[in-house]
Amino acid sequence: MLSSVLVWFRRDLRDDDNTALDEALRRAQRVHCMFIFDREILDALPDPADRRVEFIRESLVELDSSLRARGGSLIVLHDFAADAIPRLACELGVAAVFTNRDYEPAAKKRDAAVEERLRSSGIAFEAFKDQAVFDGLEILTQSGRPHTIFTPYKKAWLKRLAEEELPARTIAGSGRLAGAPQATGIPTLATIGFTATNLAELGITPGMSGATQLVEDFRSRIHRYHQQRDFPGIKGVSYLSAHLRFGTISIRRLISLALEVGALRGEEGPATWLSELIWRDFYFMILDHFPHVTEHAFKPEFDALAWECGTPADALFAAWCNGETGYPLVDAAMKQLNRTGYMHNRLRMVTASFLTKDLGIDWRRGEACFAAHLTDFDLSANNGGWQWAASTGCDAQPYFRIFNPVTQSQRFDPQGRFIRRYLPELAHVPDKFIHAPWLMSSAEQAACGVCIGRDFPEPIVAHDEARKRALQRYSTVKRLPAQESPRG
């Protein structure tokens, strides 16, 4: 039995079903809890009004309150983790620091540095599996290698799940939570150099209670998930991505929900949602085993792609970022991202395909844009999604599959409900033109109060011509004929 342990919270902002906390209470007599606003990360953020920082801060308030109700509290620092964690561990005189595993290359490097400094002071460091259901070498191919194709990975993942009981951890140890050595409290946003955002205006409730509310709401809709998840104009998805990102609810609770409502009994909605959760594990695994994907294409040959560059490409990229491409679904999606920090998953695919295939711009530029704006930004999923859309990643869409932004709009926002929500200038455009308003005559534009080229931009690229250029760009790398395929 250890005398005392320091639990370092990171992307697991809950005291329920938390592996590191559970292990500490089971194995130590006294458990200190802490979180650090790591300056290595925060100092690099360009905008002081960052929704993620506010989401974290408000989640910490609830976590601290929950810990205090059970006799403990949360020590919160604003410092460089590599320095502050070993220093605090020494000040508290703990025998070990427990935390939950992170798969990002920078986090792994940081953790290695912290572990080395702790070891030099005679303090142990242990990291546990928590944000993934399976990780490391738990899911391998028959030849003992990491999977790079999702479908066989999913089959192996489900087989392993059937063989093991999904651990739903509860705090059942004999250890006691320790109060903070001094009443530090949770720092204000201003104290750490940030400002409030529009989280409250958007109706987003951070913390464990916010996650619980969303789970209960989704429970009543999960059986329709497979039918509604691709339509941004309706309430079809769980909206839990930010809570999963910051760990205000555990992945095990969500897997348990999917199983409880029939994911393995032929219920399509729960089964489809479970598949999406497995994708999350898959991308964690890819990032963990193939860290080169953060800077390079998963498939090395695609690093040779000749992306558009220079001033014309910069202008096209700016138009895409600002939602000014002239394609209503693409522009509405980018407006949603800029105003809310969220984008519907179907639209992430559409906008990514448009940037890489229609505009011929490097996927890394789009990935960075999403990373700067998404409240639920997760390096593994963001990188995986962008490389999928750009056809450079593992198990990516074929390079010759290119989404048509008009037909995608017609299929997934048929009445233009989503488009009109974020592009009010198109509010009175008839349904038959809402997906391609440039096809209206001058008289038709005047009748609905919009002038294309003045109130709403003309398309910055002709899709059919852009598609041919994309096929040529990719076929040059693949050394294959620029073949045709059914249009998306």
Protein backbone atom coordinates (compact mmCIF):
# COMPACT_ATOMS: atom_id res chain seq x y z
CA MET A 1 0.00 0.00 0.00
CA LEU A 2 1.45 3.36 -1.04
CA SER A 3 1.41 6.15 1.52
CA SER A 4 0.23 8.82 -0.91
CA VAL A 5 -0.31 9.37 -4.64
CA LEU A 6 -0.79 12.46 -6.77
CA VAL A 7 -3.42 12.01 -9.50
CA TRP A 8 -2.73 14.23 -12.50
CA PHE A 9 -5.96 14.95 -14.38
CA ARG A 10 -5.59 15.84 -18.05
CA ARG A 11 -8.26 14.87 -20.58
CA ASP A 12 -10.29 12.96 -17.99
CA LEU A 13 -12.12 15.71 -16.11
CA ARG A 14 -14.36 13.54 -13.95
CA ASP A 15 -14.20 11.64 -10.68
CA ASP A 16 -16.53 8.91 -11.95
CA ASP A 17 -15.13 5.86 -13.79
CA ASN A 18 -11.63 7.34 -13.91
CA THR A 19 -8.93 4.68 -14.08
CA ALA A 20 -6.04 6.67 -12.57
CA LEU A 21 -8.18 7.95 -9.69
CA ASP A 22 -9.66 4.52 -9.08
CA GLU A 23 -6.21 2.93 -9.00
CA ALA A 24 -4.90 5.60 -6.64
CA LEU A 25 -7.77 5.12 -4.18
CA ARG A 26 -7.29 1.38 -4.36
CA ARG A 27 -3.53 1.40 -3.87
CA ALA A 28 -2.76 4.44 -1.73
CA GLN A 29 -3.77 5.65 1.72
CA ARG A 30 -3.93 9.31 0.74
CA VAL A 31 -4.75 10.72 -2.71
CA HIS A 32 -4.04 14.25 -3.90
CA CYS A 33 -5.68 15.50 -7.11
CA MET A 34 -4.37 18.14 -9.47
CA PHE A 35 -4.76 19.72 -12.91
CA ILE A 36 -2.34 22.00 -14.69
CA PHE A 37 -3.12 24.60 -17.31
CA ASP A 38 0.02 23.67 -19.21
CA ARG A 39 1.70 26.79 -20.56
CA GLU A 40 3.48 24.68 -23.16
CA ILE A 41 0.04 24.30 -24.76
CA LEU A 42 -1.77 27.47 -23.74
CA ASP A 43 0.99 29.92 -24.63
CA ALA A 44 0.79 28.71 -28.25
CA LEU A 45 -2.95 29.42 -28.59
CA PRO A 46 -3.43 32.56 -30.72
CA ASP A 47 -6.90 33.60 -29.53
CA PRO A 48 -7.59 34.47 -25.87
CA ALA A 49 -11.27 33.70 -26.50
CA ASP A 50 -10.73 29.97 -26.85
CA ARG A 51 -13.82 27.86 -26.18
CA ARG A 52 -11.73 24.86 -25.19
CA VAL A 53 -10.04 26.70 -22.35
CA GLU A 54 -13.39 27.92 -21.05
CA PHE A 55 -14.85 24.42 -21.38
CA ILE A 56 -11.95 23.01 -19.36
CA ARG A 57 -12.14 25.73 -16.74
CA GLU A 58 -15.87 25.27 -16.13
CA SER A 59 -15.45 21.48 -16.06
CA LEU A 60 -12.76 21.89 -13.40
CA VAL A 61 -15.14 23.91 -11.24
CA GLU A 62 -17.55 20.99 -11.21
CA LEU A 63 -14.80 18.41 -10.70
CA ASP A 64 -13.41 20.34 -7.74
CA SER A 65 -16.89 20.63 -6.23
CA SER A 66 -17.43 16.89 -6.60
CA LEU A 67 -14.08 16.08 -5.01
CA ARG A 68 -14.76 18.49 -2.13
CA ALA A 69 -18.09 16.80 -1.44
CA ARG A 70 -16.08 13.64 -0.82
CA GLY A 71 -13.44 15.20 1.40
CA GLY A 72 -10.88 16.14 -1.23
CA SER A 73 -10.20 19.04 -3.58
CA LEU A 74 -8.36 19.91 -6.76
CA ILE A 75 -4.99 21.65 -6.91
CA VAL A 76 -4.94 23.77 -10.08
CA LEU A 77 -1.73 25.27 -11.44
CA HIS A 78 -0.83 27.46 -14.41
CA ASP A 79 2.72 26.49 -15.31
CA PHE A 80 4.86 24.26 -17.48
CA ALA A 81 3.91 20.66 -16.70
CA ALA A 82 7.41 19.24 -17.12
CA ASP A 83 8.60 21.50 -14.29
CA ALA A 84 5.51 21.83 -12.11
CA ILE A 85 4.50 18.17 -11.77
CA PRO A 86 7.83 16.93 -10.30
CA ARG A 87 8.03 20.02 -8.08
CA LEU A 88 4.52 19.55 -6.69
CA ALA A 89 5.07 15.81 -6.19
CA CYS A 90 8.18 16.57 -4.12
CA GLU A 91 6.40 19.26 -2.09
CA LEU A 92 3.55 16.86 -1.27
CA GLY A 93 5.94 14.02 -0.51
CA VAL A 94 3.99 11.50 -2.60
CA ALA A 95 5.30 8.06 -3.48
CA ALA A 96 3.92 8.14 -7.03
CA VAL A 97 2.16 10.19 -9.68
CA PHE A 98 -0.75 8.44 -11.43
CA THR A 99 -2.30 9.67 -14.66
CA ASN A 100 -4.19 8.36 -17.67
CA ARG A 101 -2.42 7.62 -20.92
CA ASP A 102 -2.25 10.10 -23.79
CA TYR A 103 -1.38 9.03 -27.34
CA GLU A 104 -0.27 12.31 -28.89
CA PRO A 105 3.46 12.53 -29.68
CA ALA A 106 3.96 15.79 -27.77
CA ALA A 107 2.12 14.41 -24.74
CA LYS A 108 4.18 11.21 -24.79
CA LYS A 109 7.38 13.25 -24.95
CA ARG A 110 6.19 15.44 -22.05
CA ASP A 111 5.24 12.40 -19.97
CA ALA A 112 8.63 10.81 -20.58
CA ALA A 113 10.33 13.98 -19.36
CA VAL A 114 8.11 14.12 -16.26
CA GLU A 115 8.73 10.44 -15.52
CA GLU A 116 12.49 10.88 -15.78
CA ARG A 117 12.52 13.84 -13.38
CA LEU A 118 10.24 12.04 -10.93
CA ARG A 119 12.43 8.95 -11.02
CA SER A 120 15.48 11.04 -10.18
CA SER A 121 13.62 12.10 -7.02
CA GLY A 122 12.61 8.54 -6.17
CA ILE A 123 8.98 9.04 -7.18
CA ALA A 124 7.20 6.53 -9.39
CA PHE A 125 5.12 7.43 -12.45
CA GLU A 126 2.29 5.27 -13.78
CA ALA A 127 0.00 5.92 -16.75
CA PHE A 128 -3.19 3.90 -17.25
CA LYS A 129 -5.48 3.09 -20.14
CA ASP A 130 -8.60 5.23 -19.81
CA GLN A 131 -9.58 7.24 -22.89
CA ALA A 132 -9.49 4.17 -25.15
CA VAL A 133 -11.22 0.84 -24.67
CA PHE A 134 -8.25 -1.03 -26.19
CA ASP A 135 -4.81 0.38 -26.85
CA GLY A 136 -1.15 -0.52 -27.22
CA LEU A 137 -0.74 -4.08 -28.46
CA GLU A 138 -4.21 -5.28 -27.47
CA ILE A 139 -5.63 -5.29 -31.01
CA LEU A 140 -3.23 -6.67 -33.62
CA THR A 141 -3.43 -8.46 -36.96
CA GLN A 142 -2.76 -12.20 -37.16
CA SER A 143 0.82 -11.36 -38.10
CA GLY A 144 1.18 -9.34 -34.88
CA ARG A 145 1.11 -5.87 -36.42
CA PRO A 146 -1.13 -2.87 -35.83
CA HIS A 147 -4.19 -2.74 -38.07
CA THR A 148 -4.29 -0.10 -40.79
CA ILE A 149 -7.73 -0.98 -42.23
CA PHE A 150 -10.78 -0.20 -40.13
CA THR A 151 -13.10 -3.13 -40.93
CA PRO A 152 -10.76 -5.94 -39.77
CA TYR A 153 -9.79 -3.76 -36.81
CA LYS A 154 -13.45 -3.39 -35.87
CA LYS A 155 -13.99 -7.16 -36.11
CA ALA A 156 -10.99 -7.81 -33.88
CA TRP A 157 -12.13 -5.06 -31.48
CA LEU A 158 -15.61 -6.59 -31.15
CA LYS A 159 -14.15 -10.07 -30.70
CA ARG A 160 -11.93 -8.83 -27.89
CA LEU A 161 -14.86 -7.02 -26.28
CA ALA A 162 -16.88 -10.24 -26.32
CA GLU A 163 -14.03 -12.07 -24.62
CA GLU A 164 -13.58 -9.53 -21.85
CA GLU A 165 -15.98 -7.88 -19.47
CA LEU A 166 -16.05 -4.16 -20.14
CA PRO A 167 -14.65 -2.59 -16.97
CA ALA A 168 -17.00 0.03 -15.53
CA ARG A 169 -14.82 1.44 -12.81
CA THR A 170 -16.14 2.84 -9.56
CA ILE A 171 -14.23 4.34 -6.69
CA ALA A 172 -14.19 1.43 -4.28
CA GLY A 173 -10.73 1.60 -2.72
CA SER A 174 -9.92 2.33 0.89
CA GLY A 175 -7.80 5.39 0.16
CA ARG A 176 -8.89 8.87 1.23
CA LEU A 177 -8.99 11.98 -0.89
CA ALA A 178 -6.79 14.77 0.41
CA GLY A 179 -7.74 18.42 0.52
CA ALA A 180 -5.47 20.95 -1.16
CA PRO A 181 -2.62 22.14 1.09
CA GLN A 182 -3.95 25.63 0.56
CA ALA A 183 -7.28 26.91 -0.74
CA THR A 184 -6.10 27.77 -4.25
CA GLY A 185 -9.49 27.41 -5.97
CA ILE A 186 -9.96 27.38 -9.73
CA PRO A 187 -8.25 30.35 -11.42
CA THR A 188 -10.38 32.68 -13.48
CA LEU A 189 -9.95 32.81 -17.23
CA ALA A 190 -8.40 36.25 -16.89
CA THR A 191 -5.82 34.93 -14.43
CA ILE A 192 -4.46 32.54 -17.05
CA GLY A 193 -4.69 35.07 -19.90
CA PHE A 194 -7.99 34.12 -21.53
CA THR A 195 -11.45 35.63 -21.92
CA ALA A 196 -14.99 34.28 -21.87
CA THR A 197 -16.51 32.95 -25.10
CA ASN A 198 -20.04 32.24 -26.29
CA LEU A 199 -20.29 28.76 -24.75
CA ALA A 200 -23.28 29.71 -22.59
CA GLU A 201 -24.99 31.46 -25.51
CA LEU A 202 -24.57 28.28 -27.55
CA GLY A 203 -26.27 26.28 -24.80
CA ILE A 204 -23.16 24.20 -24.06
CA THR A 205 -22.92 22.91 -20.50
CA PRO A 206 -19.37 21.76 -19.68
CA GLY A 207 -18.48 19.22 -17.02
CA MET A 208 -19.89 15.89 -15.92
CA SER A 209 -23.42 17.23 -15.57
CA GLY A 210 -23.37 18.53 -19.15
CA ALA A 211 -22.25 15.14 -20.41
CA THR A 212 -24.95 13.35 -18.41
CA GLN A 213 -27.65 15.64 -19.81
CA LEU A 214 -26.55 14.90 -23.37
CA VAL A 215 -26.39 11.15 -22.77
CA GLU A 216 -29.94 11.08 -21.43
CA ASP A 217 -31.17 13.19 -24.33
CA PHE A 218 -29.41 10.95 -26.86
CA ARG A 219 -30.74 7.80 -25.24
CA SER A 220 -34.20 8.71 -26.56
CA ARG A 221 -32.84 9.22 -30.11
CA ILE A 222 -30.13 6.59 -30.46
CA HIS A 223 -32.39 4.10 -32.27
CA ARG A 224 -32.76 6.61 -35.13
CA TYR A 225 -29.06 7.47 -35.23
CA HIS A 226 -28.32 5.46 -38.40
CA GLN A 227 -31.12 7.26 -40.24
CA GLN A 228 -30.45 10.81 -39.04
CA ARG A 229 -26.72 11.15 -38.37
CA ASP A 230 -25.85 12.49 -41.84
CA PHE A 231 -28.39 15.34 -41.87
CA PRO A 232 -27.01 18.54 -40.27
CA GLY A 233 -30.38 20.26 -40.31
CA ILE A 234 -31.90 17.89 -37.76
CA LYS A 235 -30.96 16.73 -34.27
CA GLY A 236 -29.53 13.36 -35.19
CA VAL A 237 -26.18 12.99 -33.41
CA SER A 238 -25.15 12.79 -29.75
CA TYR A 239 -23.20 16.10 -29.52
CA LEU A 240 -20.93 14.38 -26.99
CA SER A 241 -17.66 14.90 -28.88
CA ALA A 242 -16.33 17.73 -26.67
CA HIS A 243 -17.20 15.78 -23.54
CA LEU A 244 -15.37 12.73 -24.87
CA ARG A 245 -12.42 14.94 -25.81
CA PHE A 246 -12.05 16.32 -22.30
CA GLY A 247 -13.20 13.19 -20.52
CA THR A 248 -16.18 14.58 -18.64
CA ILE A 249 -17.69 11.16 -19.33
CA SER A 250 -15.82 7.90 -19.87
CA ILE A 251 -15.78 5.99 -23.11
CA ARG A 252 -16.74 2.88 -21.14
CA ARG A 253 -20.03 4.47 -20.06
CA LEU A 254 -20.87 5.22 -23.69
CA ILE A 255 -19.90 1.77 -24.92
CA SER A 256 -22.07 0.34 -22.15
CA LEU A 257 -24.99 2.50 -23.31
CA ALA A 258 -24.62 1.24 -26.89
CA LEU A 259 -24.56 -2.37 -25.70
CA GLU A 260 -27.46 -1.83 -23.32
CA VAL A 261 -29.77 -0.57 -26.07
CA GLY A 262 -28.94 -3.33 -28.54
CA ALA A 263 -25.75 -2.56 -30.46
CA LEU A 264 -24.90 -6.27 -30.68
CA ARG A 265 -28.49 -7.47 -31.06
CA GLY A 266 -29.17 -6.11 -34.53
CA GLU A 267 -30.35 -2.63 -33.50
CA GLU A 268 -29.03 -0.46 -36.33
CA GLY A 269 -28.93 2.87 -34.53
CA PRO A 270 -26.88 1.70 -31.52
CA ALA A 271 -24.70 -0.50 -33.76
CA THR A 272 -23.86 2.43 -36.03
CA TRP A 273 -23.03 4.63 -33.05
CA LEU A 274 -20.85 1.89 -31.55
CA SER A 275 -18.99 1.73 -34.86
CA GLU A 276 -18.27 5.46 -34.59
CA LEU A 277 -16.87 4.95 -31.08
CA ILE A 278 -14.65 2.17 -32.43
CA TRP A 279 -13.34 4.59 -35.07
CA ARG A 280 -12.19 6.73 -32.14
CA ASP A 281 -10.09 3.85 -30.75
CA PHE A 282 -8.82 3.14 -34.27
CA TYR A 283 -7.50 6.67 -34.74
CA PHE A 284 -5.90 6.65 -31.27
CA MET A 285 -4.13 3.45 -32.30
CA ILE A 286 -2.94 4.92 -35.60
CA LEU A 287 -1.54 8.01 -33.88
CA ASP A 288 0.12 5.89 -31.19
CA HIS A 289 1.82 3.48 -33.60
CA PHE A 290 2.37 5.78 -36.60
CA PRO A 291 3.20 9.24 -35.17
CA HIS A 292 4.56 10.40 -38.53
CA VAL A 293 0.95 11.11 -39.55
CA THR A 294 1.04 14.38 -37.62
CA GLU A 295 3.32 15.87 -40.27
CA HIS A 296 3.23 13.49 -43.20
CA ALA A 297 0.80 11.41 -45.20
CA PHE A 298 0.18 7.98 -43.73
CA LYS A 299 0.96 6.60 -47.19
CA PRO A 300 4.44 8.02 -47.98
CA GLU A 301 3.85 8.24 -51.74
CA PHE A 302 1.25 10.94 -51.17
CA ASP A 303 3.81 13.29 -49.68
CA ALA A 304 4.74 13.88 -53.33
CA LEU A 305 1.35 15.42 -54.17
CA ALA A 306 1.75 18.78 -55.87
CA TRP A 307 -0.63 20.96 -53.89
CA GLU A 308 -1.64 24.40 -55.07
CA CYS A 309 0.42 27.13 -53.45
CA GLY A 310 1.27 30.81 -53.70
CA THR A 311 -0.98 33.86 -53.66
CA PRO A 312 -3.89 32.34 -55.69
CA ALA A 313 -4.02 29.32 -53.36
CA ASP A 314 -3.85 31.58 -50.31
CA ALA A 315 -6.85 33.54 -51.59
CA LEU A 316 -8.81 30.32 -52.17
CA PHE A 317 -7.88 29.05 -48.71
CA ALA A 318 -9.03 32.31 -47.11
CA ALA A 319 -12.36 32.08 -48.94
CA TRP A 320 -12.79 28.51 -47.68
CA CYS A 321 -11.91 29.47 -44.10
CA ASN A 322 -14.37 32.36 -44.13
CA GLY A 323 -17.23 30.46 -45.76
CA GLU A 324 -17.07 32.41 -49.00
CA THR A 325 -16.65 29.71 -51.65
CA GLY A 326 -20.04 30.25 -53.29
CA TYR A 327 -21.13 26.68 -52.50
CA PRO A 328 -23.89 27.04 -49.87
CA LEU A 329 -23.34 23.79 -47.95
CA VAL A 330 -19.58 24.33 -47.72
CA ASP A 331 -20.02 27.95 -46.67
CA ALA A 332 -22.74 27.21 -44.11
CA ALA A 333 -20.52 24.53 -42.58
CA MET A 334 -17.56 26.90 -42.26
CA LYS A 335 -19.80 29.60 -40.77
CA GLN A 336 -21.01 27.03 -38.24
CA LEU A 337 -17.42 26.21 -37.32
CA ASN A 338 -16.39 29.85 -36.94
CA ARG A 339 -19.45 30.86 -34.91
CA THR A 340 -19.88 27.80 -32.70
CA GLY A 341 -16.63 25.79 -32.62
CA TYR A 342 -18.56 22.78 -33.90
CA MET A 343 -19.12 21.19 -37.28
CA HIS A 344 -21.38 18.27 -38.11
CA ASN A 345 -19.37 15.17 -39.08
CA ARG A 346 -20.88 14.85 -42.56
CA LEU A 347 -19.91 18.45 -43.19
CA ARG A 348 -16.35 17.84 -41.99
CA MET A 349 -16.05 15.34 -44.82
CA VAL A 350 -17.68 17.66 -47.37
CA THR A 351 -15.57 20.70 -46.50
CA ALA A 352 -12.36 18.66 -46.32
CA SER A 353 -13.03 17.08 -49.70
CA PHE A 354 -13.76 20.51 -51.18
CA LEU A 355 -10.51 22.00 -49.88
CA THR A 356 -8.27 19.13 -50.95
CA LYS A 357 -9.99 17.93 -54.12
CA ASP A 358 -11.82 21.00 -55.53
CA LEU A 359 -9.26 23.61 -54.46
CA GLY A 360 -6.19 21.35 -54.48
CA ILE A 361 -4.93 22.72 -51.17
CA ASP A 362 -2.78 20.71 -48.78
CA TRP A 363 -4.85 18.82 -46.19
CA ARG A 364 -2.47 20.02 -43.45
CA ARG A 365 -3.71 23.59 -43.90
CA GLY A 366 -7.31 22.48 -43.42
CA GLU A 367 -6.36 20.29 -40.48
CA ALA A 368 -4.71 23.29 -38.79
CA CYS A 369 -7.80 25.43 -39.39
CA PHE A 370 -10.04 22.85 -37.75
CA ALA A 371 -7.54 22.44 -34.90
CA ALA A 372 -7.74 26.16 -34.19
CA HIS A 373 -11.53 26.34 -34.10
CA LEU A 374 -13.04 23.02 -33.00
CA THR A 375 -14.05 22.84 -29.35
CA ASP A 376 -13.87 19.05 -29.66
CA PHE A 377 -10.49 19.13 -31.41
CA ASP A 378 -8.72 15.83 -30.98
CA LEU A 379 -5.46 15.37 -32.87
CA SER A 380 -6.03 11.70 -33.66
CA ALA A 381 -9.57 12.07 -35.05
CA ASN A 382 -8.86 15.38 -36.79
CA ASN A 383 -5.77 14.02 -38.49
CA GLY A 384 -7.50 10.76 -39.36
CA GLY A 385 -10.51 12.54 -40.81
CA TRP A 386 -8.45 14.92 -42.92
CA GLN A 387 -6.19 12.21 -44.28
CA TRP A 388 -9.28 10.12 -45.05
CA ALA A 389 -10.82 12.95 -47.04
CA ALA A 390 -7.55 13.76 -48.78
CA SER A 391 -7.05 10.05 -49.66
CA THR A 392 -3.58 10.14 -48.09
CA GLY A 393 -4.33 8.19 -44.91
CA CYS A 394 -4.92 4.64 -43.75
CA ASP A 395 -8.17 3.13 -44.99
CA ALA A 396 -8.85 6.40 -46.84
CA GLN A 397 -11.50 6.96 -49.47
CA PRO A 398 -10.12 6.16 -52.96
CA TYR A 399 -8.34 9.14 -54.48
CA PHE A 400 -10.84 9.21 -57.35
CA ARG A 401 -13.82 9.59 -55.00
CA ILE A 402 -14.54 13.31 -54.95
CA PHE A 403 -17.57 14.71 -53.19
CA ASN A 404 -19.75 16.93 -55.34
CA PRO A 405 -20.71 19.81 -53.01
CA VAL A 406 -24.03 20.35 -54.80
CA THR A 407 -25.22 16.74 -54.76
CA GLN A 408 -24.04 16.36 -51.15
CA SER A 409 -26.16 19.40 -50.34
CA GLN A 410 -29.18 18.05 -52.18
CA ARG A 411 -28.87 14.69 -50.45
CA PHE A 412 -28.19 15.74 -46.87
CA ASP A 413 -29.87 19.16 -46.58
CA PRO A 414 -32.68 18.76 -49.13
CA GLN A 415 -34.82 21.67 -47.94
CA GLY A 416 -31.81 23.83 -47.13
CA ARG A 417 -32.71 24.06 -43.44
CA PHE A 418 -29.09 23.99 -42.34
CA ILE A 419 -27.95 26.30 -45.12
CA ARG A 420 -30.52 28.96 -44.28
CA ARG A 421 -29.64 28.79 -40.57
CA TYR A 422 -26.07 29.93 -41.24
CA LEU A 423 -26.55 31.84 -44.48
CA PRO A 424 -29.55 34.12 -43.82
CA GLU A 425 -28.85 35.98 -47.05
CA LEU A 426 -30.21 32.88 -48.81
CA ALA A 427 -33.30 32.63 -46.57
CA HIS A 428 -35.78 33.30 -49.38
CA VAL A 429 -34.07 31.33 -52.13
CA PRO A 430 -36.44 28.57 -53.37
CA ASP A 431 -35.55 24.99 -52.50
CA LYS A 432 -34.82 24.19 -56.16
CA PHE A 433 -31.97 26.76 -56.17
CA ILE A 434 -30.77 26.70 -52.54
CA HIS A 435 -27.98 24.25 -53.37
CA ALA A 436 -26.73 26.15 -56.44
CA PRO A 437 -28.10 29.72 -56.24
CA TRP A 438 -25.89 30.93 -59.12
CA LEU A 439 -28.25 29.09 -61.47
CA MET A 440 -31.01 31.63 -60.79
CA SER A 441 -31.69 34.26 -63.40
CA SER A 442 -31.34 37.93 -62.47
CA ALA A 443 -35.11 38.19 -62.15
CA GLU A 444 -35.25 35.15 -59.89
CA GLN A 445 -32.46 36.56 -57.73
CA ALA A 446 -34.28 39.87 -57.40
CA ALA A 447 -37.50 38.08 -56.46
CA CYS A 448 -35.84 36.42 -53.46
CA GLY A 449 -33.77 39.44 -52.45
CA VAL A 450 -30.28 38.20 -53.20
CA CYS A 451 -27.74 39.16 -55.82
CA ILE A 452 -25.14 36.49 -56.53
CA GLY A 453 -21.73 38.10 -56.64
CA ARG A 454 -22.81 40.86 -54.25
CA ASP A 455 -24.84 39.34 -51.37
CA PHE A 456 -23.47 35.85 -51.83
CA PRO A 457 -20.31 34.94 -53.75
CA GLU A 458 -20.21 33.23 -57.09
CA PRO A 459 -18.51 29.82 -56.98
CA ILE A 460 -14.76 30.29 -56.69
CA VAL A 461 -14.19 27.13 -58.72
CA ALA A 462 -16.20 25.06 -61.16
CA HIS A 463 -16.57 21.63 -59.60
CA ASP A 464 -16.44 19.59 -62.81
CA GLU A 465 -13.21 21.27 -63.94
CA ALA A 466 -11.70 21.06 -60.45
CA ARG A 467 -12.54 17.38 -60.33
CA LYS A 468 -10.54 16.71 -63.49
CA ARG A 469 -7.55 18.57 -62.05
CA ALA A 470 -7.77 16.55 -58.86
CA LEU A 471 -7.86 13.27 -60.75
CA GLN A 472 -4.78 14.33 -62.68
CA ARG A 473 -2.97 15.44 -59.51
CA TYR A 474 -3.55 12.11 -57.77
CA SER A 475 -3.08 9.88 -60.80
CA THR A 476 0.35 11.42 -61.38
CA VAL A 477 1.42 10.30 -57.92
CA LYS A 478 -0.25 6.92 -58.20
CA ARG A 479 0.98 6.50 -61.80
CA LEU A 480 -2.47 5.34 -62.75
CA PRO A 481 -4.86 6.63 -65.41
CA ALA A 482 -7.16 9.40 -64.22
CA GLN A 483 -10.17 7.14 -64.07
CA GLU A 484 -13.75 8.19 -63.73
CA SER A 485 -16.00 7.04 -60.92
CA PRO A 486 -19.55 7.62 -59.71
CA ARG A 487 -19.85 11.13 -58.39
CA GLY A 488 -20.38 11.77 -54.72
